[in-house]
């Protein structure tokens, strides 16, 4: 299923970079970026690779507060979209390693 595919891809391409807990259901996986990574900068670099992720601060009462989380959707993309999207996020992550 798409959730398992997303988690397998995260483990392969982002496993040493992000922290996440595999959800038991739903449509999204929340990933925590390292504390020294600017989440909004990471999101912008992802968009430059044609990958849209939702910045975690979008879910805060005050969206100007700092957040180190991003939300990945696995329900909408195709399997290839998940594979290629998470691989591209792994390329962004390499910029911070």
Protein backbone atom coordinates (compact mmCIF):
# COMPACT_ATOMS: atom_id res chain seq x y z
CA UNK A 1 0.00 0.00 0.00
CA UNK A 2 0.99 3.64 -0.35
CA UNK A 3 1.72 4.16 3.34
CA UNK A 4 4.20 1.30 3.37
CA UNK A 5 5.76 2.55 0.13
CA UNK A 6 6.14 6.06 1.58
CA UNK A 7 7.77 4.73 4.75
CA UNK A 8 10.10 2.45 2.79
CA UNK A 9 11.18 5.41 0.66
CA UNK A 10 11.69 7.61 3.74
CA UNK A 11 13.81 4.89 5.32
CA UNK A 12 15.89 4.54 2.15
CA UNK A 13 16.39 8.21 1.23
CA UNK A 14 15.83 10.14 4.47
CA UNK A 15 16.28 7.57 7.22
CA UNK A 16 19.43 9.09 8.69
CA UNK A 17 18.09 12.65 8.29
CA UNK A 18 14.49 12.77 9.56
CA UNK A 19 12.61 11.25 12.45
CA UNK A 20 9.08 9.93 11.96
CA UNK A 21 6.58 7.52 13.41
CA UNK A 22 4.74 5.31 10.94
CA UNK A 23 1.08 6.22 11.32
CA UNK A 24 -1.53 3.52 11.85
CA UNK A 25 -3.81 5.22 9.33
CA UNK A 26 -4.59 8.53 7.75
CA UNK A 27 -3.19 10.22 4.67
CA UNK A 28 0.04 11.80 5.87
CA UNK A 29 3.43 11.12 7.42
CA UNK A 30 4.92 13.77 9.71
CA UNK A 31 8.70 14.05 9.56
CA UNK A 32 10.93 15.98 11.95
CA UNK A 33 13.93 17.63 10.38
CA UNK A 34 17.16 18.05 12.36
CA UNK A 35 17.08 21.00 14.75
CA UNK A 36 19.83 22.81 12.83
CA UNK A 37 17.90 22.71 9.53
CA UNK A 38 15.73 25.67 8.62
CA UNK A 39 12.43 23.98 7.76
CA UNK A 40 11.14 26.76 5.50
CA UNK A 41 14.41 26.78 3.57
CA UNK A 42 14.17 22.98 3.20
CA UNK A 43 10.59 23.31 1.90
CA UNK A 44 11.68 25.94 -0.66
CA UNK A 45 14.50 23.69 -1.87
CA UNK A 46 12.01 20.83 -2.19
CA UNK A 47 9.73 23.01 -4.32
CA UNK A 48 12.70 23.78 -6.56
CA UNK A 49 12.80 20.01 -7.21
CA UNK A 50 9.05 20.03 -7.95
CA UNK A 51 8.14 18.37 -4.65
CA UNK A 52 5.51 20.04 -2.50
CA UNK A 53 5.49 19.32 1.22
CA UNK A 54 3.44 21.08 3.85
CA UNK A 55 5.48 23.07 6.38
CA UNK A 56 4.63 22.19 9.95
CA UNK A 57 4.12 25.79 11.02
CA UNK A 58 0.99 25.87 8.82
CA UNK A 59 -0.72 23.92 11.61
CA UNK A 60 0.31 26.17 14.49
CA UNK A 61 -1.95 28.82 15.99
CA UNK A 62 0.86 31.27 15.26
CA UNK A 63 2.44 30.28 11.94
CA UNK A 64 5.44 32.50 12.66
CA UNK A 65 6.55 30.08 15.40
CA UNK A 66 9.54 27.90 14.60
CA UNK A 67 8.79 24.36 13.46
CA UNK A 68 11.05 21.52 12.38
CA UNK A 69 8.27 19.36 10.95
CA UNK A 70 7.06 18.71 7.44
CA UNK A 71 3.96 16.77 6.41
CA UNK A 72 4.13 14.34 3.48
CA UNK A 73 0.97 13.21 1.72
CA UNK A 74 0.92 9.63 0.45
CA UNK A 75 -2.74 9.43 -0.59
CA UNK A 76 -2.70 11.69 -3.65
CA UNK A 77 0.56 10.87 -5.48
CA UNK A 78 1.00 7.79 -7.65
CA UNK A 79 3.46 5.14 -6.51
CA UNK A 80 6.02 6.61 -8.91
CA UNK A 81 5.26 10.06 -7.52
CA UNK A 82 5.98 8.86 -3.99
CA UNK A 83 9.20 7.13 -5.05
CA UNK A 84 10.49 10.07 -7.09
CA UNK A 85 9.30 12.69 -4.61
CA UNK A 86 10.97 11.13 -1.58
CA UNK A 87 14.11 10.48 -3.62
CA UNK A 88 14.17 14.22 -4.48
CA UNK A 89 13.74 15.07 -0.78
CA UNK A 90 16.74 12.86 -0.12
CA UNK A 91 18.71 14.96 -2.59
CA UNK A 92 17.68 18.10 -0.72
CA UNK A 93 18.69 16.47 2.56
CA UNK A 94 22.20 15.84 1.14
CA UNK A 95 22.67 19.62 1.04
CA UNK A 96 22.53 19.61 4.86
CA UNK A 97 24.70 16.61 5.62
